[in-house]
Amino acid sequence: MNTLTFSWNIWNDVLTMWQYDFMRHAFEAGTIIAIVAGVVGYFVVLRKSSFAAHALSHIGFTGAAGAVLIGLTPLFGLLAFTLGGGLLIATLGTRAAERDVQIGTVLAFMLGLGVLFISLYTGYATEAYSLLFGEILGISSSDVLVTAIAGGIIILVSIAIYRPLLFMSLDQAVAEAKGIPVYTLGIIFMLLIATATSISVQVVGVLLIFALMITPAAIAQRIAKRPIVGIGISVSVALLATWLGLFIAFYLPYPVSFFITTTTFMLFLASRFVFKTT
């Protein structure tokens, strides 16, 4: 990306990097996305909904391809299809065991639709393809604002439904017996996953969404017993991976997503070795 190299003065390296607007925008958006992914991802892992998050990221790519086909910004199509896909998945099955077949069916159809959209497009769908691996270094100030608004909404909704969602995630049958609106909460949570996925692909892309949505949460659940502590660890790991990935990628000519996924994977391996019995 540039001819700059690391020095022994890390702080000076950081200041040099922050002289560039695109890096400041990347750090701003990356920080918001890491916090959102850490919070939502914790409940995704707790509820064993990793397949749903994975499916929604691919469904989002179909939406991005469709948006490019009709001349719209890919992010609009991404958000529309992930929200629609999340709503469809949530209404087809209320329990994790029931959703696998429905998710697989919806995902297969959406991927086929995505292939059709790409084949119909006669130009270069570089914007849609960039969503496969992320394009955080191309984020503008307006993108940061949209990300902040979406992230703020996700966090506020997560706080509002925290207690019933936690109860439902730990024991859905008991929560339902206690009168908690399991079906409605399931739909709301699936829409949260869809929105979080839509903004997270800017960092790691559709194919690598697990790096921020799943791996930090998986690490947290091995380390922490209390949910609040676990969410804090999940967010911290996502932030560390994002910041470190951006910093290294500024000085080395390799993709940001590679460094982020490598960091989360190495931390996950470390947690497996250190916390063997948990």
C-alpha atoms as a PDB file:
ATOM      1  CA  MET A   1       0.000   0.000   0.000  1.00  0.00           C
ATOM      2  CA  ASN A   2       2.895   2.334   0.706  1.00  0.00           C
ATOM      3  CA  THR A   3       6.672   2.416   1.176  1.00  0.00           C
ATOM      4  CA  LEU A   4       6.550   3.097   4.917  1.00  0.00           C
ATOM      5  CA  THR A   5       8.012   0.505   7.266  1.00  0.00           C
ATOM      6  CA  PHE A   6       7.770  -0.336  10.938  1.00  0.00           C
ATOM      7  CA  SER A   7      10.104   1.377  13.401  1.00  0.00           C
ATOM      8  CA  TRP A   8      11.014   0.735  17.026  1.00  0.00           C
ATOM      9  CA  ASN A   9       8.804   3.651  18.006  1.00  0.00           C
ATOM     10  CA  ILE A  10       5.315   2.125  17.815  1.00  0.00           C
ATOM     11  CA  TRP A  11       3.600   5.328  18.913  1.00  0.00           C
ATOM     12  CA  ASN A  12       5.296   7.249  16.125  1.00  0.00           C
ATOM     13  CA  ASP A  13       4.142   4.567  13.679  1.00  0.00           C
ATOM     14  CA  VAL A  14       0.579   5.007  14.898  1.00  0.00           C
ATOM     15  CA  LEU A  15       0.747   8.794  14.519  1.00  0.00           C
ATOM     16  CA  THR A  16       2.143   8.412  11.010  1.00  0.00           C
ATOM     17  CA  MET A  17      -0.719   6.106  10.072  1.00  0.00           C
ATOM     18  CA  TRP A  18      -3.352   8.469  11.489  1.00  0.00           C
ATOM     19  CA  GLN A  19      -2.171  11.298   9.242  1.00  0.00           C
ATOM     20  CA  TYR A  20      -4.241   9.719   6.488  1.00  0.00           C
ATOM     21  CA  ASP A  21      -8.005  10.285   6.375  1.00  0.00           C
ATOM     22  CA  PHE A  22      -8.767   6.828   5.017  1.00  0.00           C
ATOM     23  CA  MET A  23      -6.991   5.201   7.967  1.00  0.00           C
ATOM     24  CA  ARG A  24      -8.861   7.327  10.508  1.00  0.00           C
ATOM     25  CA  HIS A  25     -12.132   6.400   8.826  1.00  0.00           C
ATOM     26  CA  ALA A  26     -11.111   2.742   8.841  1.00  0.00           C
ATOM     27  CA  PHE A  27     -10.333   2.845  12.567  1.00  0.00           C
ATOM     28  CA  GLU A  28     -13.576   4.647  13.363  1.00  0.00           C
ATOM     29  CA  ALA A  29     -15.744   2.203  11.410  1.00  0.00           C
ATOM     30  CA  GLY A  30     -13.677  -0.774  12.536  1.00  0.00           C
ATOM     31  CA  THR A  31     -14.099   0.151  16.196  1.00  0.00           C
ATOM     32  CA  ILE A  32     -17.882   0.459  15.870  1.00  0.00           C
ATOM     33  CA  ILE A  33     -18.153  -2.806  13.965  1.00  0.00           C
ATOM     34  CA  ALA A  34     -15.917  -4.694  16.407  1.00  0.00           C
ATOM     35  CA  ILE A  35     -18.081  -3.612  19.348  1.00  0.00           C
ATOM     36  CA  VAL A  36     -21.287  -4.599  17.557  1.00  0.00           C
ATOM     37  CA  ALA A  37     -19.860  -7.931  16.363  1.00  0.00           C
ATOM     38  CA  GLY A  38     -18.555  -8.718  19.845  1.00  0.00           C
ATOM     39  CA  VAL A  39     -21.936  -8.094  21.487  1.00  0.00           C
ATOM     40  CA  VAL A  40     -24.179  -9.768  18.911  1.00  0.00           C
ATOM     41  CA  GLY A  41     -21.692 -12.557  18.273  1.00  0.00           C
ATOM     42  CA  TYR A  42     -21.743 -13.573  21.932  1.00  0.00           C
ATOM     43  CA  PHE A  43     -25.447 -14.368  21.724  1.00  0.00           C
ATOM     44  CA  VAL A  44     -25.015 -15.976  18.299  1.00  0.00           C
ATOM     45  CA  VAL A  45     -22.595 -18.500  19.813  1.00  0.00           C
ATOM     46  CA  LEU A  46     -24.658 -18.886  23.004  1.00  0.00           C
ATOM     47  CA  ARG A  47     -27.778 -19.640  20.947  1.00  0.00           C
ATOM     48  CA  LYS A  48     -25.844 -21.924  18.572  1.00  0.00           C
ATOM     49  CA  SER A  49     -26.855 -19.769  15.613  1.00  0.00           C
ATOM     50  CA  SER A  50     -23.467 -19.668  13.857  1.00  0.00           C
ATOM     51  CA  PHE A  51     -24.903 -21.246  10.731  1.00  0.00           C
ATOM     52  CA  ALA A  52     -27.551 -18.514  10.581  1.00  0.00           C
ATOM     53  CA  ALA A  53     -24.903 -15.770  10.737  1.00  0.00           C
ATOM     54  CA  HIS A  54     -22.882 -17.547   8.063  1.00  0.00           C
ATOM     55  CA  ALA A  55     -25.945 -17.914   5.832  1.00  0.00           C
ATOM     56  CA  LEU A  56     -26.982 -14.277   6.233  1.00  0.00           C
ATOM     57  CA  SER A  57     -23.546 -13.083   5.145  1.00  0.00           C
ATOM     58  CA  HIS A  58     -23.865 -15.048   1.901  1.00  0.00           C
ATOM     59  CA  ILE A  59     -27.454 -13.933   1.417  1.00  0.00           C
ATOM     60  CA  GLY A  60     -26.151 -10.383   1.777  1.00  0.00           C
ATOM     61  CA  PHE A  61     -23.772 -10.920  -1.125  1.00  0.00           C
ATOM     62  CA  THR A  62     -26.733 -11.846  -3.310  1.00  0.00           C
ATOM     63  CA  GLY A  63     -28.376  -8.569  -2.305  1.00  0.00           C
ATOM     64  CA  ALA A  64     -25.206  -6.648  -3.133  1.00  0.00           C
ATOM     65  CA  ALA A  65     -25.044  -8.295  -6.556  1.00  0.00           C
ATOM     66  CA  GLY A  66     -28.700  -7.439  -7.174  1.00  0.00           C
ATOM     67  CA  ALA A  67     -28.127  -3.823  -6.184  1.00  0.00           C
ATOM     68  CA  VAL A  68     -25.207  -3.528  -8.602  1.00  0.00           C
ATOM     69  CA  LEU A  69     -27.375  -5.007 -11.353  1.00  0.00           C
ATOM     70  CA  ILE A  70     -29.985  -2.252 -11.016  1.00  0.00           C
ATOM     71  CA  GLY A  71     -27.465   0.512 -10.417  1.00  0.00           C
ATOM     72  CA  LEU A  72     -27.712   0.935  -6.636  1.00  0.00           C
ATOM     73  CA  THR A  73     -25.021   1.014  -3.952  1.00  0.00           C
ATOM     74  CA  PRO A  74     -24.176  -2.597  -2.956  1.00  0.00           C
ATOM     75  CA  LEU A  75     -24.600  -1.812   0.750  1.00  0.00           C
ATOM     76  CA  PHE A  76     -28.326  -1.116   0.233  1.00  0.00           C
ATOM     77  CA  GLY A  77     -28.861  -4.492  -1.385  1.00  0.00           C
ATOM     78  CA  LEU A  78     -26.743  -6.163   1.268  1.00  0.00           C
ATOM     79  CA  LEU A  79     -28.814  -4.715   4.091  1.00  0.00           C
ATOM     80  CA  ALA A  80     -32.160  -5.375   2.375  1.00  0.00           C
ATOM     81  CA  PHE A  81     -31.403  -9.034   1.673  1.00  0.00           C
ATOM     82  CA  THR A  82     -29.879  -9.802   5.078  1.00  0.00           C
ATOM     83  CA  LEU A  83     -32.885  -8.272   6.835  1.00  0.00           C
ATOM     84  CA  GLY A  84     -35.291 -10.109   4.543  1.00  0.00           C
ATOM     85  CA  GLY A  85     -33.357 -13.353   4.895  1.00  0.00           C
ATOM     86  CA  GLY A  86     -33.184 -12.987   8.677  1.00  0.00           C
ATOM     87  CA  LEU A  87     -36.912 -12.390   8.889  1.00  0.00           C
ATOM     88  CA  LEU A  88     -37.623 -15.392   6.675  1.00  0.00           C
ATOM     89  CA  ILE A  89     -35.330 -17.697   8.658  1.00  0.00           C
ATOM     90  CA  ALA A  90     -36.803 -16.553  11.974  1.00  0.00           C
ATOM     91  CA  THR A  91     -40.396 -17.136  10.859  1.00  0.00           C
ATOM     92  CA  LEU A  92     -39.673 -20.576   9.389  1.00  0.00           C
ATOM     93  CA  GLY A  93     -38.361 -22.045  12.648  1.00  0.00           C
ATOM     94  CA  THR A  94     -38.251 -20.895  16.253  1.00  0.00           C
ATOM     95  CA  ARG A  95     -35.686 -23.402  17.542  1.00  0.00           C
ATOM     96  CA  ALA A  96     -32.057 -23.887  16.482  1.00  0.00           C
ATOM     97  CA  ALA A  97     -32.645 -27.563  15.657  1.00  0.00           C
ATOM     98  CA  GLU A  98     -35.589 -26.655  13.453  1.00  0.00           C
ATOM     99  CA  ARG A  99     -33.817 -23.867  11.611  1.00  0.00           C
ATOM    100  CA  ASP A 100     -30.923 -25.794  10.051  1.00  0.00           C
ATOM    101  CA  VAL A 101     -32.936 -27.235   7.172  1.00  0.00           C
ATOM    102  CA  GLN A 102     -34.774 -23.949   6.575  1.00  0.00           C
ATOM    103  CA  ILE A 103     -31.522 -21.981   6.641  1.00  0.00           C
ATOM    104  CA  GLY A 104     -29.886 -24.371   4.187  1.00  0.00           C
ATOM    105  CA  THR A 105     -32.864 -24.173   1.845  1.00  0.00           C
ATOM    106  CA  VAL A 106     -33.029 -20.369   1.905  1.00  0.00           C
ATOM    107  CA  LEU A 107     -29.237 -20.106   1.514  1.00  0.00           C
ATOM    108  CA  ALA A 108     -29.164 -22.405  -1.527  1.00  0.00           C
ATOM    109  CA  PHE A 109     -31.890 -20.394  -3.242  1.00  0.00           C
ATOM    110  CA  MET A 110     -30.206 -17.059  -2.472  1.00  0.00           C
ATOM    111  CA  LEU A 111     -26.807 -18.211  -3.719  1.00  0.00           C
ATOM    112  CA  GLY A 112     -28.404 -19.360  -6.961  1.00  0.00           C
ATOM    113  CA  LEU A 113     -30.072 -15.966  -7.266  1.00  0.00           C
ATOM    114  CA  GLY A 114     -26.724 -14.278  -6.682  1.00  0.00           C
ATOM    115  CA  VAL A 115     -25.124 -16.262  -9.490  1.00  0.00           C
ATOM    116  CA  LEU A 116     -27.971 -15.137 -11.774  1.00  0.00           C
ATOM    117  CA  PHE A 117     -27.497 -11.467 -10.814  1.00  0.00           C
ATOM    118  CA  ILE A 118     -23.760 -11.601 -11.495  1.00  0.00           C
ATOM    119  CA  SER A 119     -24.258 -13.356 -14.849  1.00  0.00           C
ATOM    120  CA  LEU A 120     -26.795 -10.721 -15.942  1.00  0.00           C
ATOM    121  CA  TYR A 121     -24.500  -7.828 -15.076  1.00  0.00           C
ATOM    122  CA  THR A 122     -22.465  -6.780 -18.125  1.00  0.00           C
ATOM    123  CA  GLY A 123     -20.022  -4.430 -16.378  1.00  0.00           C
ATOM    124  CA  TYR A 124     -17.372  -4.963 -13.727  1.00  0.00           C
ATOM    125  CA  ALA A 125     -19.071  -5.750 -10.414  1.00  0.00           C
ATOM    126  CA  THR A 126     -15.998  -4.800  -8.408  1.00  0.00           C
ATOM    127  CA  GLU A 127     -18.024  -3.219  -5.602  1.00  0.00           C
ATOM    128  CA  ALA A 128     -20.057  -6.374  -5.077  1.00  0.00           C
ATOM    129  CA  TYR A 129     -17.022  -8.638  -5.267  1.00  0.00           C
ATOM    130  CA  SER A 130     -15.115  -6.456  -2.787  1.00  0.00           C
ATOM    131  CA  LEU A 131     -17.736  -7.395  -0.182  1.00  0.00           C
ATOM    132  CA  LEU A 132     -16.456 -10.969  -0.319  1.00  0.00           C
ATOM    133  CA  PHE A 133     -13.240 -10.038   1.492  1.00  0.00           C
ATOM    134  CA  GLY A 134     -13.960  -6.587   2.925  1.00  0.00           C
ATOM    135  CA  GLU A 135     -12.949  -3.088   1.881  1.00  0.00           C
ATOM    136  CA  ILE A 136     -12.494  -1.185   5.111  1.00  0.00           C
ATOM    137  CA  LEU A 137      -9.671   0.971   3.727  1.00  0.00           C
ATOM    138  CA  GLY A 138     -12.132   2.391   1.199  1.00  0.00           C
ATOM    139  CA  ILE A 139     -14.661   3.591   3.785  1.00  0.00           C
ATOM    140  CA  SER A 140     -15.664   7.246   3.538  1.00  0.00           C
ATOM    141  CA  SER A 141     -16.818   9.635   6.270  1.00  0.00           C
ATOM    142  CA  SER A 142     -20.438   9.103   5.190  1.00  0.00           C
ATOM    143  CA  ASP A 143     -19.946   5.327   5.489  1.00  0.00           C
ATOM    144  CA  VAL A 144     -18.643   5.857   9.018  1.00  0.00           C
ATOM    145  CA  LEU A 145     -21.764   7.847   9.879  1.00  0.00           C
ATOM    146  CA  VAL A 146     -24.083   5.144   8.518  1.00  0.00           C
ATOM    147  CA  THR A 147     -22.109   2.513  10.409  1.00  0.00           C
ATOM    148  CA  ALA A 148     -22.321   4.534  13.629  1.00  0.00           C
ATOM    149  CA  ILE A 149     -26.088   4.961  13.319  1.00  0.00           C
ATOM    150  CA  ALA A 150     -26.669   1.277  12.563  1.00  0.00           C
ATOM    151  CA  GLY A 151     -24.263   0.223  15.308  1.00  0.00           C
ATOM    152  CA  GLY A 152     -25.929   2.505  17.830  1.00  0.00           C
ATOM    153  CA  ILE A 153     -29.349   1.060  17.043  1.00  0.00           C
ATOM    154  CA  ILE A 154     -28.053  -2.499  17.400  1.00  0.00           C
ATOM    155  CA  ILE A 155     -26.458  -1.783  20.791  1.00  0.00           C
ATOM    156  CA  LEU A 156     -29.541   0.009  22.132  1.00  0.00           C
ATOM    157  CA  VAL A 157     -31.845  -2.830  21.061  1.00  0.00           C
ATOM    158  CA  SER A 158     -29.417  -5.390  22.514  1.00  0.00           C
ATOM    159  CA  ILE A 159     -29.481  -3.575  25.868  1.00  0.00           C
ATOM    160  CA  ALA A 160     -33.283  -3.389  25.799  1.00  0.00           C
ATOM    161  CA  ILE A 161     -33.761  -7.132  25.240  1.00  0.00           C
ATOM    162  CA  TYR A 162     -30.661  -8.316  27.122  1.00  0.00           C
ATOM    163  CA  ARG A 163     -32.333 -10.104  30.049  1.00  0.00           C
ATOM    164  CA  PRO A 164     -35.101 -11.959  28.182  1.00  0.00           C
ATOM    165  CA  LEU A 165     -32.706 -12.786  25.333  1.00  0.00           C
ATOM    166  CA  LEU A 166     -30.165 -14.211  27.786  1.00  0.00           C
ATOM    167  CA  PHE A 167     -32.876 -16.246  29.530  1.00  0.00           C
ATOM    168  CA  MET A 168     -34.155 -17.553  26.201  1.00  0.00           C
ATOM    169  CA  SER A 169     -30.630 -18.369  25.022  1.00  0.00           C
ATOM    170  CA  LEU A 170     -29.869 -20.424  28.127  1.00  0.00           C
ATOM    171  CA  ASP A 171     -33.156 -22.367  28.267  1.00  0.00           C
ATOM    172  CA  GLN A 172     -35.744 -21.574  25.627  1.00  0.00           C
ATOM    173  CA  ALA A 173     -38.338 -24.048  26.919  1.00  0.00           C
ATOM    174  CA  VAL A 174     -38.326 -22.587  30.429  1.00  0.00           C
ATOM    175  CA  ALA A 175     -38.329 -19.030  29.065  1.00  0.00           C
ATOM    176  CA  GLU A 176     -41.386 -19.845  26.966  1.00  0.00           C
ATOM    177  CA  ALA A 177     -43.119 -21.381  29.993  1.00  0.00           C
ATOM    178  CA  LYS A 178     -42.403 -18.196  31.968  1.00  0.00           C
ATOM    179  CA  GLY A 179     -44.279 -16.145  29.401  1.00  0.00           C
ATOM    180  CA  ILE A 180     -41.317 -14.626  27.543  1.00  0.00           C
ATOM    181  CA  PRO A 181     -42.297 -13.877  23.910  1.00  0.00           C
ATOM    182  CA  VAL A 182     -39.806 -16.330  22.438  1.00  0.00           C
ATOM    183  CA  TYR A 183     -41.070 -16.078  18.859  1.00  0.00           C
ATOM    184  CA  THR A 184     -40.961 -12.271  18.786  1.00  0.00           C
ATOM    185  CA  LEU A 185     -37.555 -12.157  20.460  1.00  0.00           C
ATOM    186  CA  GLY A 186     -36.246 -14.680  17.958  1.00  0.00           C
ATOM    187  CA  ILE A 187     -37.297 -12.457  15.064  1.00  0.00           C
ATOM    188  CA  ILE A 188     -35.787  -9.351  16.679  1.00  0.00           C
ATOM    189  CA  PHE A 189     -32.518 -11.162  17.355  1.00  0.00           C
ATOM    190  CA  MET A 190     -32.317 -12.506  13.811  1.00  0.00           C
ATOM    191  CA  LEU A 191     -32.781  -8.958  12.496  1.00  0.00           C
ATOM    192  CA  LEU A 192     -29.961  -7.830  14.814  1.00  0.00           C
ATOM    193  CA  ILE A 193     -27.709 -10.511  13.334  1.00  0.00           C
ATOM    194  CA  ALA A 194     -28.683  -9.398   9.829  1.00  0.00           C
ATOM    195  CA  THR A 195     -27.867  -5.744  10.524  1.00  0.00           C
ATOM    196  CA  ALA A 196     -24.633  -6.577  12.344  1.00  0.00           C
ATOM    197  CA  THR A 197     -23.596  -8.823   9.454  1.00  0.00           C
ATOM    198  CA  SER A 198     -24.327  -6.069   6.933  1.00  0.00           C
ATOM    199  CA  ILE A 199     -22.013  -3.573   8.598  1.00  0.00           C
ATOM    200  CA  SER A 200     -19.364  -6.159   9.554  1.00  0.00           C
ATOM    201  CA  VAL A 201     -18.678  -7.267   5.978  1.00  0.00           C
ATOM    202  CA  GLN A 202     -17.038  -3.885   5.377  1.00  0.00           C
ATOM    203  CA  VAL A 203     -14.166  -5.090   7.556  1.00  0.00           C
ATOM    204  CA  VAL A 204     -13.706  -8.790   6.859  1.00  0.00           C
ATOM    205  CA  GLY A 205     -16.091  -9.468   3.986  1.00  0.00           C
ATOM    206  CA  VAL A 206     -18.805 -12.034   3.461  1.00  0.00           C
ATOM    207  CA  LEU A 207     -16.493 -15.051   3.369  1.00  0.00           C
ATOM    208  CA  LEU A 208     -14.643 -14.166   6.586  1.00  0.00           C
ATOM    209  CA  ILE A 209     -17.497 -12.930   8.770  1.00  0.00           C
ATOM    210  CA  PHE A 210     -16.785 -15.601  11.391  1.00  0.00           C
ATOM    211  CA  ALA A 211     -13.571 -13.763  12.304  1.00  0.00           C
ATOM    212  CA  LEU A 212     -15.492 -11.000  14.091  1.00  0.00           C
ATOM    213  CA  MET A 213     -18.947 -12.458  14.668  1.00  0.00           C
ATOM    214  CA  ILE A 214     -18.049 -15.913  15.972  1.00  0.00           C
ATOM    215  CA  THR A 215     -14.403 -16.421  16.984  1.00  0.00           C
ATOM    216  CA  PRO A 216     -14.163 -13.652  19.649  1.00  0.00           C
ATOM    217  CA  ALA A 217     -17.409 -14.894  21.211  1.00  0.00           C
ATOM    218  CA  ALA A 218     -16.165 -18.483  21.150  1.00  0.00           C
ATOM    219  CA  ILE A 219     -13.011 -17.363  22.963  1.00  0.00           C
ATOM    220  CA  ALA A 220     -15.063 -15.440  25.524  1.00  0.00           C
ATOM    221  CA  GLN A 221     -17.281 -18.408  26.318  1.00  0.00           C
ATOM    222  CA  ARG A 222     -14.243 -20.550  27.059  1.00  0.00           C
ATOM    223  CA  ILE A 223     -12.806 -17.962  29.428  1.00  0.00           C
ATOM    224  CA  ALA A 224     -15.751 -16.339  31.212  1.00  0.00           C
ATOM    225  CA  LYS A 225     -18.650 -17.859  33.125  1.00  0.00           C
ATOM    226  CA  ARG A 226     -20.628 -14.643  33.610  1.00  0.00           C
ATOM    227  CA  PRO A 227     -22.385 -13.302  30.474  1.00  0.00           C
ATOM    228  CA  ILE A 228     -21.436  -9.649  31.092  1.00  0.00           C
ATOM    229  CA  VAL A 229     -17.766 -10.586  31.454  1.00  0.00           C
ATOM    230  CA  GLY A 230     -18.024 -12.802  28.389  1.00  0.00           C
ATOM    231  CA  ILE A 231     -19.472  -9.988  26.288  1.00  0.00           C
ATOM    232  CA  GLY A 232     -16.667  -7.707  27.479  1.00  0.00           C
ATOM    233  CA  ILE A 233     -14.031 -10.264  26.457  1.00  0.00           C
ATOM    234  CA  SER A 234     -15.735 -10.855  23.107  1.00  0.00           C
ATOM    235  CA  VAL A 235     -15.729  -7.127  22.345  1.00  0.00           C
ATOM    236  CA  SER A 236     -12.117  -6.771  23.521  1.00  0.00           C
ATOM    237  CA  VAL A 237     -10.894  -9.578  21.272  1.00  0.00           C
ATOM    238  CA  ALA A 238     -12.769  -8.159  18.268  1.00  0.00           C
ATOM    239  CA  LEU A 239     -11.315  -4.696  18.937  1.00  0.00           C
ATOM    240  CA  LEU A 240      -7.776  -6.019  19.362  1.00  0.00           C
ATOM    241  CA  ALA A 241      -7.957  -8.027  16.131  1.00  0.00           C
ATOM    242  CA  THR A 242      -9.414  -5.116  14.158  1.00  0.00           C
ATOM    243  CA  TRP A 243      -6.956  -2.505  15.444  1.00  0.00           C
ATOM    244  CA  LEU A 244      -3.954  -4.794  15.056  1.00  0.00           C
ATOM    245  CA  GLY A 245      -5.059  -5.864  11.579  1.00  0.00           C
ATOM    246  CA  LEU A 246      -5.444  -2.265  10.408  1.00  0.00           C
ATOM    247  CA  PHE A 247      -2.113  -1.248  11.887  1.00  0.00           C
ATOM    248  CA  ILE A 248      -0.148  -4.102  10.310  1.00  0.00           C
ATOM    249  CA  ALA A 249      -1.917  -3.803   6.943  1.00  0.00           C
ATOM    250  CA  PHE A 250      -0.922  -0.135   6.716  1.00  0.00           C
ATOM    251  CA  TYR A 251       2.755  -1.104   6.675  1.00  0.00           C
ATOM    252  CA  LEU A 252       2.553  -4.425   4.822  1.00  0.00           C
ATOM    253  CA  PRO A 253       1.056  -4.962   1.334  1.00  0.00           C
ATOM    254  CA  TYR A 254      -1.448  -7.607   2.376  1.00  0.00           C
ATOM    255  CA  PRO A 255      -5.240  -7.545   2.998  1.00  0.00           C
ATOM    256  CA  VAL A 256      -6.550  -6.258   6.326  1.00  0.00           C
ATOM    257  CA  SER A 257      -8.943  -9.197   6.591  1.00  0.00           C
ATOM    258  CA  PHE A 258      -6.013 -11.645   6.537  1.00  0.00           C
ATOM    259  CA  PHE A 259      -4.439 -10.075   9.614  1.00  0.00           C
ATOM    260  CA  ILE A 260      -7.764  -9.833  11.441  1.00  0.00           C
ATOM    261  CA  THR A 261      -8.676 -13.464  10.817  1.00  0.00           C
ATOM    262  CA  THR A 262      -5.162 -14.621  11.707  1.00  0.00           C
ATOM    263  CA  THR A 263      -5.232 -12.707  14.994  1.00  0.00           C
ATOM    264  CA  THR A 264      -8.606 -14.108  16.055  1.00  0.00           C
ATOM    265  CA  PHE A 265      -7.571 -17.628  15.052  1.00  0.00           C
ATOM    266  CA  MET A 266      -4.311 -17.483  17.012  1.00  0.00           C
ATOM    267  CA  LEU A 267      -6.152 -16.143  20.070  1.00  0.00           C
ATOM    268  CA  PHE A 268      -8.707 -18.936  19.734  1.00  0.00           C
ATOM    269  CA  LEU A 269      -5.939 -21.554  19.635  1.00  0.00           C
ATOM    270  CA  ALA A 270      -4.339 -19.963  22.692  1.00  0.00           C
ATOM    271  CA  SER A 271      -7.654 -20.104  24.563  1.00  0.00           C
ATOM    272  CA  ARG A 272      -8.019 -23.781  23.670  1.00  0.00           C
ATOM    273  CA  PHE A 273      -4.608 -24.638  25.093  1.00  0.00           C
ATOM    274  CA  VAL A 274      -4.831 -22.433  28.195  1.00  0.00           C
ATOM    275  CA  PHE A 275      -8.447 -23.236  29.113  1.00  0.00           C
ATOM    276  CA  LYS A 276      -8.491 -26.938  28.269  1.00  0.00           C
ATOM    277  CA  THR A 277     -10.856 -27.988  31.016  1.00  0.00           C
ATOM    278  CA  THR A 278     -13.457 -25.220  30.597  1.00  0.00           C
END
